[in-house]
Amino acid sequence: MGDVGDEAVTRTFVGIDFGGPSKAGRQRKKIVAIAAKTDDGRRFVVGSGGLNAPLARAKSPGRTAEELRDALVAAQDVDVVAADFPFSLPSDLLACPEFAALVGHSSAFVNWPALSAFLGREIALTPPLHLEAFQPWRRRDRRDRYWSLRKTDREARAQPPLKDKFQVLFNMTLLGIAMLSSLRSSGYRIVPFDASPTAMPPGSRELIEVYPGAAMRSLGCADYKRSPAVALNTILEHCRTNGIFIELADDIRELCETYDTGHGDARDPDASDALIALCVGILYRAGRTKALVAPADIAHIEREGVIWSVA
């Protein structure tokens, strides 16, 4: 990947912590996006207003999937969007005609373009989210097959994309891919399906998949969800050591350190996760990330997608 460049053109980078609740109010609590602007690719400002305007709503600082799609389409200066949700499904499911037939698709999906186009047609981004047609993929007696992992999930120690109990990913995965389909039709490049797994030139409006847990483990901060302030200091310091300086508005830092949608002893600092995703997206453009699947496995990458982590 190439350098971010020194051209004096304002560019925006976005980090997203995604979720798939049904109702609009819950989506605005779980789907959090944080944006940074840069003129030189070295110094970034995460300020109030603009794409960050919803962050001022302390109790619901996010957007619905539809509102997020609209905001990203409208923002013409976006360079890289780094999003935390599974971009695709395991190869064995994509290749299975029976799996596709369960939801009314006439043949195996085979590849990501076919999967995303189908989900984009069948799943409306306008809440409430309706996934009744996909209930056959949630059957308990099929979990041993459908709760399978992509190769990149194994490397990242992530959860199965279609897991629908405990840590719920099922809704997030399907709604997320439907949103990707819509963004793709608006000119976004979805990596690696619309580009080789290396960074495109600045201004390409790329969307990459990230997993904050994998990034923070690489930086020796495995318990990042319980200590968001420590996690933020760790990732921001890592950026500084790579010549990238990120300035946070005080109110946004406070939100990242305190916002939590977890229950009981489970912590879920969505704003902090969005900022970690943002940092990985910035490092990606600077050529300071790694794909969590070996480049030699290009066939897997092109079908299943790839998670990017810090180098």
C-alpha atoms as a PDB file:
ATOM      1  CA  MET A   1       0.000   0.000   0.000  1.00  0.00           C
ATOM      2  CA  GLY A   2       1.169   3.494  -0.726  1.00  0.00           C
ATOM      3  CA  ASP A   3       1.631   6.506   1.477  1.00  0.00           C
ATOM      4  CA  VAL A   4      -1.282   8.740   2.377  1.00  0.00           C
ATOM      5  CA  GLY A   5       0.280  11.544   0.367  1.00  0.00           C
ATOM      6  CA  ASP A   6       0.928  15.219   1.117  1.00  0.00           C
ATOM      7  CA  GLU A   7      -1.591  16.880  -1.155  1.00  0.00           C
ATOM      8  CA  ALA A   8      -3.490  19.730   0.539  1.00  0.00           C
ATOM      9  CA  VAL A   9      -6.934  18.264  -0.115  1.00  0.00           C
ATOM     10  CA  THR A  10      -9.338  17.760   2.755  1.00  0.00           C
ATOM     11  CA  ARG A  11     -10.283  14.117   3.149  1.00  0.00           C
ATOM     12  CA  THR A  12     -12.551  12.374   5.630  1.00  0.00           C
ATOM     13  CA  PHE A  13     -12.020   9.017   7.306  1.00  0.00           C
ATOM     14  CA  VAL A  14     -14.823   7.228   9.151  1.00  0.00           C
ATOM     15  CA  GLY A  15     -14.893   4.465  11.749  1.00  0.00           C
ATOM     16  CA  ILE A  16     -18.126   2.556  12.385  1.00  0.00           C
ATOM     17  CA  ASP A  17     -19.251   0.322  15.205  1.00  0.00           C
ATOM     18  CA  PHE A  18     -22.266  -1.393  13.672  1.00  0.00           C
ATOM     19  CA  GLY A  19     -25.315  -3.221  15.029  1.00  0.00           C
ATOM     20  CA  GLY A  20     -28.538  -4.779  13.816  1.00  0.00           C
ATOM     21  CA  PRO A  21     -31.400  -3.939  16.192  1.00  0.00           C
ATOM     22  CA  SER A  22     -34.848  -3.906  14.631  1.00  0.00           C
ATOM     23  CA  LYS A  23     -36.152  -0.533  15.788  1.00  0.00           C
ATOM     24  CA  ALA A  24     -34.821   2.891  14.830  1.00  0.00           C
ATOM     25  CA  GLY A  25     -34.248   3.997  18.423  1.00  0.00           C
ATOM     26  CA  ARG A  26     -32.070   1.002  19.197  1.00  0.00           C
ATOM     27  CA  GLN A  27     -30.128   1.379  15.968  1.00  0.00           C
ATOM     28  CA  ARG A  28     -29.315   4.972  16.927  1.00  0.00           C
ATOM     29  CA  LYS A  29     -27.810   3.634  20.142  1.00  0.00           C
ATOM     30  CA  LYS A  30     -25.756   0.882  18.503  1.00  0.00           C
ATOM     31  CA  ILE A  31     -24.675   2.162  15.068  1.00  0.00           C
ATOM     32  CA  VAL A  32     -22.035   4.745  15.936  1.00  0.00           C
ATOM     33  CA  ALA A  33     -19.819   6.481  13.371  1.00  0.00           C
ATOM     34  CA  ILE A  34     -16.877   8.780  14.133  1.00  0.00           C
ATOM     35  CA  ALA A  35     -15.191  10.851  11.426  1.00  0.00           C
ATOM     36  CA  ALA A  36     -11.811  12.578  11.181  1.00  0.00           C
ATOM     37  CA  LYS A  37     -10.660  15.158   8.658  1.00  0.00           C
ATOM     38  CA  THR A  38      -7.149  15.679   7.316  1.00  0.00           C
ATOM     39  CA  ASP A  39      -5.476  18.037   4.857  1.00  0.00           C
ATOM     40  CA  ASP A  40      -2.106  16.305   4.733  1.00  0.00           C
ATOM     41  CA  GLY A  41      -2.653  12.667   5.700  1.00  0.00           C
ATOM     42  CA  ARG A  42      -0.612  13.101   8.883  1.00  0.00           C
ATOM     43  CA  ARG A  43      -2.668  15.270  11.186  1.00  0.00           C
ATOM     44  CA  PHE A  44      -6.315  14.417  11.735  1.00  0.00           C
ATOM     45  CA  VAL A  45      -9.030  16.276  13.607  1.00  0.00           C
ATOM     46  CA  VAL A  46     -12.044  14.552  15.153  1.00  0.00           C
ATOM     47  CA  GLY A  47     -14.274  17.540  15.739  1.00  0.00           C
ATOM     48  CA  SER A  48     -17.893  18.263  16.508  1.00  0.00           C
ATOM     49  CA  GLY A  49     -20.483  18.819  13.779  1.00  0.00           C
ATOM     50  CA  GLY A  50     -20.690  17.447  10.266  1.00  0.00           C
ATOM     51  CA  LEU A  51     -20.668  13.661  10.183  1.00  0.00           C
ATOM     52  CA  ASN A  52     -20.024  13.756  13.937  1.00  0.00           C
ATOM     53  CA  ALA A  53     -23.137  15.808  14.732  1.00  0.00           C
ATOM     54  CA  PRO A  54     -25.133  12.845  16.170  1.00  0.00           C
ATOM     55  CA  LEU A  55     -22.397  12.276  18.761  1.00  0.00           C
ATOM     56  CA  ALA A  56     -23.778  15.267  20.678  1.00  0.00           C
ATOM     57  CA  ARG A  57     -26.825  13.138  21.568  1.00  0.00           C
ATOM     58  CA  ALA A  58     -25.321  11.456  24.605  1.00  0.00           C
ATOM     59  CA  LYS A  59     -28.075   8.831  24.963  1.00  0.00           C
ATOM     60  CA  SER A  60     -28.343   7.935  21.270  1.00  0.00           C
ATOM     61  CA  PRO A  61     -25.204   9.164  19.475  1.00  0.00           C
ATOM     62  CA  GLY A  62     -25.654   7.028  16.396  1.00  0.00           C
ATOM     63  CA  ARG A  63     -27.777   6.601  13.295  1.00  0.00           C
ATOM     64  CA  THR A  64     -30.043   4.051  11.731  1.00  0.00           C
ATOM     65  CA  ALA A  65     -28.470   1.993   8.951  1.00  0.00           C
ATOM     66  CA  GLU A  66     -30.456   4.039   6.448  1.00  0.00           C
ATOM     67  CA  GLU A  67     -29.311   7.350   7.969  1.00  0.00           C
ATOM     68  CA  LEU A  68     -25.715   6.164   7.965  1.00  0.00           C
ATOM     69  CA  ARG A  69     -25.941   5.115   4.317  1.00  0.00           C
ATOM     70  CA  ASP A  70     -27.393   8.504   3.384  1.00  0.00           C
ATOM     71  CA  ALA A  71     -24.706  10.386   5.331  1.00  0.00           C
ATOM     72  CA  LEU A  72     -21.880   8.415   3.685  1.00  0.00           C
ATOM     73  CA  VAL A  73     -23.327   8.884   0.204  1.00  0.00           C
ATOM     74  CA  ALA A  74     -23.676  12.640   0.771  1.00  0.00           C
ATOM     75  CA  ALA A  75     -20.100  13.043   2.070  1.00  0.00           C
ATOM     76  CA  GLN A  76     -18.148  13.374  -1.161  1.00  0.00           C
ATOM     77  CA  ASP A  77     -14.747  13.816   0.524  1.00  0.00           C
ATOM     78  CA  VAL A  78     -14.733  10.398   2.229  1.00  0.00           C
ATOM     79  CA  ASP A  79     -11.542   8.425   1.621  1.00  0.00           C
ATOM     80  CA  VAL A  80     -11.731   5.291   3.804  1.00  0.00           C
ATOM     81  CA  VAL A  81     -14.576   3.904   5.914  1.00  0.00           C
ATOM     82  CA  ALA A  82     -13.584   1.189   8.396  1.00  0.00           C
ATOM     83  CA  ALA A  83     -16.578  -0.798   9.667  1.00  0.00           C
ATOM     84  CA  ASP A  84     -16.877  -3.422  12.387  1.00  0.00           C
ATOM     85  CA  PHE A  85     -19.202  -6.129  11.044  1.00  0.00           C
ATOM     86  CA  PRO A  86     -18.768  -9.240   8.843  1.00  0.00           C
ATOM     87  CA  PHE A  87     -18.728  -8.236   5.179  1.00  0.00           C
ATOM     88  CA  SER A  88     -19.380 -11.737   3.803  1.00  0.00           C
ATOM     89  CA  LEU A  89     -20.170 -15.367   4.649  1.00  0.00           C
ATOM     90  CA  PRO A  90     -17.976 -18.479   4.718  1.00  0.00           C
ATOM     91  CA  SER A  91     -17.117 -20.015   1.349  1.00  0.00           C
ATOM     92  CA  ASP A  92     -18.884 -23.286   2.106  1.00  0.00           C
ATOM     93  CA  LEU A  93     -22.181 -21.444   2.601  1.00  0.00           C
ATOM     94  CA  LEU A  94     -21.722 -19.307  -0.508  1.00  0.00           C
ATOM     95  CA  ALA A  95     -21.136 -22.475  -2.524  1.00  0.00           C
ATOM     96  CA  CYS A  96     -24.149 -24.364  -1.154  1.00  0.00           C
ATOM     97  CA  PRO A  97     -27.320 -24.381  -3.368  1.00  0.00           C
ATOM     98  CA  GLU A  98     -29.462 -25.690  -0.497  1.00  0.00           C
ATOM     99  CA  PHE A  99     -28.391 -22.795   1.727  1.00  0.00           C
ATOM    100  CA  ALA A 100     -29.386 -20.275  -0.946  1.00  0.00           C
ATOM    101  CA  ALA A 101     -32.643 -22.071  -1.755  1.00  0.00           C
ATOM    102  CA  LEU A 102     -33.803 -21.788   1.856  1.00  0.00           C
ATOM    103  CA  VAL A 103     -34.238 -18.019   1.350  1.00  0.00           C
ATOM    104  CA  GLY A 104     -35.585 -18.152  -2.200  1.00  0.00           C
ATOM    105  CA  HIS A 105     -32.387 -17.755  -4.236  1.00  0.00           C
ATOM    106  CA  SER A 106     -32.406 -19.941  -7.337  1.00  0.00           C
ATOM    107  CA  SER A 107     -28.788 -21.107  -7.138  1.00  0.00           C
ATOM    108  CA  ALA A 108     -25.730 -20.973  -4.903  1.00  0.00           C
ATOM    109  CA  PHE A 109     -24.508 -17.437  -4.292  1.00  0.00           C
ATOM    110  CA  VAL A 110     -20.926 -18.489  -5.131  1.00  0.00           C
ATOM    111  CA  ASN A 111     -19.453 -15.019  -4.697  1.00  0.00           C
ATOM    112  CA  TRP A 112     -19.909 -11.775  -2.777  1.00  0.00           C
ATOM    113  CA  PRO A 113     -21.466  -9.664  -5.568  1.00  0.00           C
ATOM    114  CA  ALA A 114     -24.335 -12.141  -5.895  1.00  0.00           C
ATOM    115  CA  LEU A 115     -24.835 -12.357  -2.122  1.00  0.00           C
ATOM    116  CA  SER A 116     -24.760  -8.601  -1.591  1.00  0.00           C
ATOM    117  CA  ALA A 117     -27.072  -7.899  -4.526  1.00  0.00           C
ATOM    118  CA  PHE A 118     -29.614 -10.402  -3.180  1.00  0.00           C
ATOM    119  CA  LEU A 119     -29.489  -9.046   0.371  1.00  0.00           C
ATOM    120  CA  GLY A 120     -29.641  -5.491  -0.965  1.00  0.00           C
ATOM    121  CA  ARG A 121     -32.887  -6.336  -2.774  1.00  0.00           C
ATOM    122  CA  GLU A 122     -34.469  -8.346   0.031  1.00  0.00           C
ATOM    123  CA  ILE A 123     -33.569  -6.244   3.082  1.00  0.00           C
ATOM    124  CA  ALA A 124     -34.841  -2.692   3.391  1.00  0.00           C
ATOM    125  CA  LEU A 125     -32.581  -0.300   5.296  1.00  0.00           C
ATOM    126  CA  THR A 126     -35.582   1.655   6.579  1.00  0.00           C
ATOM    127  CA  PRO A 127     -36.413   0.463  10.115  1.00  0.00           C
ATOM    128  CA  PRO A 128     -37.945  -1.580  11.542  1.00  0.00           C
ATOM    129  CA  LEU A 129     -35.694  -4.353  10.281  1.00  0.00           C
ATOM    130  CA  HIS A 130     -37.574  -7.338   8.844  1.00  0.00           C
ATOM    131  CA  LEU A 131     -35.635 -10.603   8.511  1.00  0.00           C
ATOM    132  CA  GLU A 132     -38.511 -13.074   8.576  1.00  0.00           C
ATOM    133  CA  ALA A 133     -37.539 -14.458   5.160  1.00  0.00           C
ATOM    134  CA  PHE A 134     -34.143 -15.460   6.602  1.00  0.00           C
ATOM    135  CA  GLN A 135     -35.456 -17.472   9.544  1.00  0.00           C
ATOM    136  CA  PRO A 136     -34.445 -20.785   7.876  1.00  0.00           C
ATOM    137  CA  TRP A 137     -30.819 -19.747   8.414  1.00  0.00           C
ATOM    138  CA  ARG A 138     -31.500 -19.492  12.155  1.00  0.00           C
ATOM    139  CA  ARG A 139     -32.748 -23.022  12.765  1.00  0.00           C
ATOM    140  CA  ARG A 140     -31.186 -24.589  15.835  1.00  0.00           C
ATOM    141  CA  ASP A 141     -30.593 -27.928  14.106  1.00  0.00           C
ATOM    142  CA  ARG A 142     -28.457 -26.192  11.465  1.00  0.00           C
ATOM    143  CA  ARG A 143     -26.208 -24.226  13.801  1.00  0.00           C
ATOM    144  CA  ASP A 144     -23.340 -26.672  13.450  1.00  0.00           C
ATOM    145  CA  ARG A 145     -23.304 -25.844   9.733  1.00  0.00           C
ATOM    146  CA  TYR A 146     -24.391 -22.221   9.616  1.00  0.00           C
ATOM    147  CA  TRP A 147     -22.370 -21.039  12.592  1.00  0.00           C
ATOM    148  CA  SER A 148     -19.215 -21.579  10.556  1.00  0.00           C
ATOM    149  CA  LEU A 149     -16.254 -19.218  10.405  1.00  0.00           C
ATOM    150  CA  ARG A 150     -14.536 -17.502   7.542  1.00  0.00           C
ATOM    151  CA  LYS A 151     -10.791 -17.945   7.349  1.00  0.00           C
ATOM    152  CA  THR A 152     -10.290 -14.326   8.398  1.00  0.00           C
ATOM    153  CA  ASP A 153     -12.594 -14.859  11.413  1.00  0.00           C
ATOM    154  CA  ARG A 154     -10.308 -17.634  12.648  1.00  0.00           C
ATOM    155  CA  GLU A 155      -7.261 -15.412  12.308  1.00  0.00           C
ATOM    156  CA  ALA A 156      -9.035 -12.538  14.104  1.00  0.00           C
ATOM    157  CA  ARG A 157     -10.601 -14.801  16.763  1.00  0.00           C
ATOM    158  CA  ALA A 158     -13.970 -13.382  15.751  1.00  0.00           C
ATOM    159  CA  GLN A 159     -17.433 -14.907  16.014  1.00  0.00           C
ATOM    160  CA  PRO A 160     -19.365 -16.712  13.215  1.00  0.00           C
ATOM    161  CA  PRO A 161     -21.109 -14.197  10.921  1.00  0.00           C
ATOM    162  CA  LEU A 162     -24.494 -15.937  11.253  1.00  0.00           C
ATOM    163  CA  LYS A 163     -24.375 -16.540  15.000  1.00  0.00           C
ATOM    164  CA  ASP A 164     -27.840 -15.645  16.271  1.00  0.00           C
ATOM    165  CA  LYS A 165     -27.556 -16.341  20.002  1.00  0.00           C
ATOM    166  CA  PHE A 166     -25.477 -14.913  22.827  1.00  0.00           C
ATOM    167  CA  GLN A 167     -23.228 -12.463  20.905  1.00  0.00           C
ATOM    168  CA  VAL A 168     -25.784 -11.741  18.187  1.00  0.00           C
ATOM    169  CA  LEU A 169     -24.201 -11.206  14.784  1.00  0.00           C
ATOM    170  CA  PHE A 170     -26.944 -12.532  12.507  1.00  0.00           C
ATOM    171  CA  ASN A 171     -28.907  -9.274  12.148  1.00  0.00           C
ATOM    172  CA  MET A 172     -25.732  -7.195  12.019  1.00  0.00           C
ATOM    173  CA  THR A 173     -24.233  -9.273   9.217  1.00  0.00           C
ATOM    174  CA  LEU A 174     -27.315  -9.271   6.989  1.00  0.00           C
ATOM    175  CA  LEU A 175     -28.191  -5.607   7.544  1.00  0.00           C
ATOM    176  CA  GLY A 176     -24.546  -4.627   7.105  1.00  0.00           C
ATOM    177  CA  ILE A 177     -24.148  -6.443   3.798  1.00  0.00           C
ATOM    178  CA  ALA A 178     -27.406  -4.894   2.556  1.00  0.00           C
ATOM    179  CA  MET A 179     -25.987  -1.467   3.436  1.00  0.00           C
ATOM    180  CA  LEU A 180     -22.742  -2.315   1.606  1.00  0.00           C
ATOM    181  CA  SER A 181     -24.772  -3.195  -1.482  1.00  0.00           C
ATOM    182  CA  SER A 182     -26.448   0.204  -1.410  1.00  0.00           C
ATOM    183  CA  LEU A 183     -23.160   2.043  -0.856  1.00  0.00           C
ATOM    184  CA  ARG A 184     -21.544   0.095  -3.674  1.00  0.00           C
ATOM    185  CA  SER A 185     -24.260   1.244  -6.055  1.00  0.00           C
ATOM    186  CA  SER A 186     -23.440   4.817  -4.969  1.00  0.00           C
ATOM    187  CA  GLY A 187     -19.783   4.558  -5.914  1.00  0.00           C
ATOM    188  CA  TYR A 188     -18.054   3.078  -2.883  1.00  0.00           C
ATOM    189  CA  ARG A 189     -15.444   0.377  -3.420  1.00  0.00           C
ATOM    190  CA  ILE A 190     -15.984  -2.557  -1.063  1.00  0.00           C
ATOM    191  CA  VAL A 191     -12.597  -4.123  -0.309  1.00  0.00           C
ATOM    192  CA  PRO A 192     -11.573  -6.692  -1.416  1.00  0.00           C
ATOM    193  CA  PHE A 193     -14.520  -7.360  -3.713  1.00  0.00           C
ATOM    194  CA  ASP A 194     -14.090  -4.222  -5.842  1.00  0.00           C
ATOM    195  CA  ALA A 195     -10.313  -3.895  -5.536  1.00  0.00           C
ATOM    196  CA  SER A 196      -7.235  -5.961  -4.858  1.00  0.00           C
ATOM    197  CA  PRO A 197      -6.477  -6.233  -1.118  1.00  0.00           C
ATOM    198  CA  THR A 198      -4.179  -3.208  -1.163  1.00  0.00           C
ATOM    199  CA  ALA A 199      -5.158   0.410  -0.725  1.00  0.00           C
ATOM    200  CA  MET A 200      -6.508   2.312  -3.694  1.00  0.00           C
ATOM    201  CA  PRO A 201      -5.351   5.902  -4.266  1.00  0.00           C
ATOM    202  CA  PRO A 202      -6.671   8.567  -1.860  1.00  0.00           C
ATOM    203  CA  GLY A 203     -10.201   9.618  -2.668  1.00  0.00           C
ATOM    204  CA  SER A 204     -11.384   6.174  -3.777  1.00  0.00           C
ATOM    205  CA  ARG A 205     -14.132   5.989  -1.111  1.00  0.00           C
ATOM    206  CA  GLU A 206     -13.156   2.540   0.117  1.00  0.00           C
ATOM    207  CA  LEU A 207     -14.951   0.470   2.735  1.00  0.00           C
ATOM    208  CA  ILE A 208     -12.851  -2.016   4.697  1.00  0.00           C
ATOM    209  CA  GLU A 209     -13.761  -4.547   7.381  1.00  0.00           C
ATOM    210  CA  VAL A 210     -12.083  -4.229  10.770  1.00  0.00           C
ATOM    211  CA  TYR A 211     -12.398  -5.902  14.168  1.00  0.00           C
ATOM    212  CA  PRO A 212     -11.392  -3.749  17.168  1.00  0.00           C
ATOM    213  CA  GLY A 213     -10.734  -6.846  19.282  1.00  0.00           C
ATOM    214  CA  ALA A 214      -8.066  -8.132  16.918  1.00  0.00           C
ATOM    215  CA  ALA A 215      -6.428  -4.707  16.632  1.00  0.00           C
ATOM    216  CA  MET A 216      -6.302  -4.182  20.389  1.00  0.00           C
ATOM    217  CA  ARG A 217      -4.952  -7.683  21.069  1.00  0.00           C
ATOM    218  CA  SER A 218      -2.137  -6.916  18.628  1.00  0.00           C
ATOM    219  CA  LEU A 219      -1.349  -3.852  20.734  1.00  0.00           C
ATOM    220  CA  GLY A 220      -1.383  -5.797  24.003  1.00  0.00           C
ATOM    221  CA  CYS A 221      -4.731  -4.404  25.144  1.00  0.00           C
ATOM    222  CA  ALA A 222      -6.980  -7.485  25.176  1.00  0.00           C
ATOM    223  CA  ASP A 223      -9.286  -6.137  27.913  1.00  0.00           C
ATOM    224  CA  TYR A 224     -10.060  -3.036  25.880  1.00  0.00           C
ATOM    225  CA  LYS A 225     -13.825  -3.132  26.438  1.00  0.00           C
ATOM    226  CA  ARG A 226     -13.451  -2.781  30.207  1.00  0.00           C
ATOM    227  CA  SER A 227     -10.946   0.069  29.922  1.00  0.00           C
ATOM    228  CA  PRO A 228     -11.935   2.271  26.970  1.00  0.00           C
ATOM    229  CA  ALA A 229      -9.736   5.166  28.126  1.00  0.00           C
ATOM    230  CA  VAL A 230      -6.694   2.864  28.177  1.00  0.00           C
ATOM    231  CA  ALA A 231      -7.689   1.435  24.801  1.00  0.00           C
ATOM    232  CA  LEU A 232      -7.949   4.901  23.230  1.00  0.00           C
ATOM    233  CA  ASN A 233      -4.609   6.003  24.635  1.00  0.00           C
ATOM    234  CA  THR A 234      -3.039   2.795  23.305  1.00  0.00           C
ATOM    235  CA  ILE A 235      -4.356   3.087  19.749  1.00  0.00           C
ATOM    236  CA  LEU A 236      -3.687   6.836  19.545  1.00  0.00           C
ATOM    237  CA  GLU A 237      -0.113   6.305  20.747  1.00  0.00           C
ATOM    238  CA  HIS A 238       0.337   3.567  18.157  1.00  0.00           C
ATOM    239  CA  CYS A 239      -0.796   6.035  15.500  1.00  0.00           C
ATOM    240  CA  ARG A 240       1.698   8.611  16.795  1.00  0.00           C
ATOM    241  CA  THR A 241       4.558   6.124  16.568  1.00  0.00           C
ATOM    242  CA  ASN A 242       3.585   5.725  12.914  1.00  0.00           C
ATOM    243  CA  GLY A 243       3.681   9.474  12.283  1.00  0.00           C
ATOM    244  CA  ILE A 244      -0.088   9.975  12.509  1.00  0.00           C
ATOM    245  CA  PHE A 245      -1.471  12.513  14.965  1.00  0.00           C
ATOM    246  CA  ILE A 246      -5.171  12.485  15.837  1.00  0.00           C
ATOM    247  CA  GLU A 247      -6.715  15.364  17.749  1.00  0.00           C
ATOM    248  CA  LEU A 248      -9.969  14.586  19.560  1.00  0.00           C
ATOM    249  CA  ALA A 249     -12.534  17.172  20.625  1.00  0.00           C
ATOM    250  CA  ASP A 250     -12.991  16.966  24.393  1.00  0.00           C
ATOM    251  CA  ASP A 251     -16.680  16.050  24.196  1.00  0.00           C
ATOM    252  CA  ILE A 252     -15.981  13.226  21.752  1.00  0.00           C
ATOM    253  CA  ARG A 253     -13.190  11.824  23.899  1.00  0.00           C
ATOM    254  CA  GLU A 254     -15.509  11.885  26.896  1.00  0.00           C
ATOM    255  CA  LEU A 255     -18.193  10.059  24.904  1.00  0.00           C
ATOM    256  CA  CYS A 256     -15.690   7.414  23.784  1.00  0.00           C
ATOM    257  CA  GLU A 257     -14.549   6.843  27.350  1.00  0.00           C
ATOM    258  CA  THR A 258     -18.013   6.687  28.941  1.00  0.00           C
ATOM    259  CA  TYR A 259     -20.640   5.543  26.413  1.00  0.00           C
ATOM    260  CA  ASP A 260     -21.619   1.924  27.085  1.00  0.00           C
ATOM    261  CA  THR A 261     -24.613  -0.089  25.861  1.00  0.00           C
ATOM    262  CA  GLY A 262     -23.655  -3.271  27.686  1.00  0.00           C
ATOM    263  CA  HIS A 263     -25.752  -4.971  30.347  1.00  0.00           C
ATOM    264  CA  GLY A 264     -24.706  -6.229  33.767  1.00  0.00           C
ATOM    265  CA  ASP A 265     -21.025  -7.121  33.793  1.00  0.00           C
ATOM    266  CA  ALA A 266     -20.792  -7.062  29.992  1.00  0.00           C
ATOM    267  CA  ARG A 267     -19.260  -3.865  28.643  1.00  0.00           C
ATOM    268  CA  ASP A 268     -19.956  -2.609  25.126  1.00  0.00           C
ATOM    269  CA  PRO A 269     -18.283   0.780  24.558  1.00  0.00           C
ATOM    270  CA  ASP A 270     -19.634   1.415  21.060  1.00  0.00           C
ATOM    271  CA  ALA A 271     -18.132   4.896  20.632  1.00  0.00           C
ATOM    272  CA  SER A 272     -14.699   3.677  21.698  1.00  0.00           C
ATOM    273  CA  ASP A 273     -14.972   0.790  19.212  1.00  0.00           C
ATOM    274  CA  ALA A 274     -15.899   3.264  16.460  1.00  0.00           C
ATOM    275  CA  LEU A 275     -12.800   5.339  17.224  1.00  0.00           C
ATOM    276  CA  ILE A 276     -10.590   2.238  17.191  1.00  0.00           C
ATOM    277  CA  ALA A 277     -12.093   1.357  13.796  1.00  0.00           C
ATOM    278  CA  LEU A 278     -11.375   4.903  12.610  1.00  0.00           C
ATOM    279  CA  CYS A 279      -7.721   4.601  13.643  1.00  0.00           C
ATOM    280  CA  VAL A 280      -7.360   1.294  11.773  1.00  0.00           C
ATOM    281  CA  GLY A 281      -8.871   2.931   8.681  1.00  0.00           C
ATOM    282  CA  ILE A 282      -6.366   5.780   8.883  1.00  0.00           C
ATOM    283  CA  LEU A 283      -3.487   3.326   9.358  1.00  0.00           C
ATOM    284  CA  TYR A 284      -4.773   1.331   6.377  1.00  0.00           C
ATOM    285  CA  ARG A 285      -4.396   4.307   4.059  1.00  0.00           C
ATOM    286  CA  ALA A 286      -0.892   4.887   5.473  1.00  0.00           C
ATOM    287  CA  GLY A 287       0.121   1.296   4.692  1.00  0.00           C
ATOM    288  CA  ARG A 288       0.422   0.396   8.375  1.00  0.00           C
ATOM    289  CA  THR A 289      -2.100  -2.444   8.536  1.00  0.00           C
ATOM    290  CA  LYS A 290      -2.133  -6.132   7.672  1.00  0.00           C
ATOM    291  CA  ALA A 291      -4.772  -8.393   6.177  1.00  0.00           C
ATOM    292  CA  LEU A 292      -5.700 -11.240   8.519  1.00  0.00           C
ATOM    293  CA  VAL A 293      -5.473 -13.749   5.709  1.00  0.00           C
ATOM    294  CA  ALA A 294      -2.219 -14.383   3.867  1.00  0.00           C
ATOM    295  CA  PRO A 295      -2.110 -12.646   0.454  1.00  0.00           C
ATOM    296  CA  ALA A 296      -1.437 -16.051  -1.123  1.00  0.00           C
ATOM    297  CA  ASP A 297      -4.985 -17.066  -0.156  1.00  0.00           C
ATOM    298  CA  ILE A 298      -6.441 -14.624  -2.663  1.00  0.00           C
ATOM    299  CA  ALA A 299      -9.260 -17.021  -3.607  1.00  0.00           C
ATOM    300  CA  HIS A 300     -10.514 -17.027  -0.031  1.00  0.00           C
ATOM    301  CA  ILE A 301     -10.087 -13.280   0.291  1.00  0.00           C
ATOM    302  CA  GLU A 302     -12.105 -12.561  -2.847  1.00  0.00           C
ATOM    303  CA  ARG A 303     -14.991 -14.777  -1.715  1.00  0.00           C
ATOM    304  CA  GLU A 304     -15.042 -14.325   2.040  1.00  0.00           C
ATOM    305  CA  GLY A 305     -13.536 -10.883   2.527  1.00  0.00           C
ATOM    306  CA  VAL A 306     -10.750  -9.990   4.919  1.00  0.00           C
ATOM    307  CA  ILE A 307     -10.390  -8.218   8.261  1.00  0.00           C
ATOM    308  CA  TRP A 308      -7.682  -5.566   8.519  1.00  0.00           C
ATOM    309  CA  SER A 309      -5.675  -5.104  11.703  1.00  0.00           C
ATOM    310  CA  VAL A 310      -2.708  -3.041  12.851  1.00  0.00           C
ATOM    311  CA  ALA A 311       0.671  -4.092  11.471  1.00  0.00           C
END
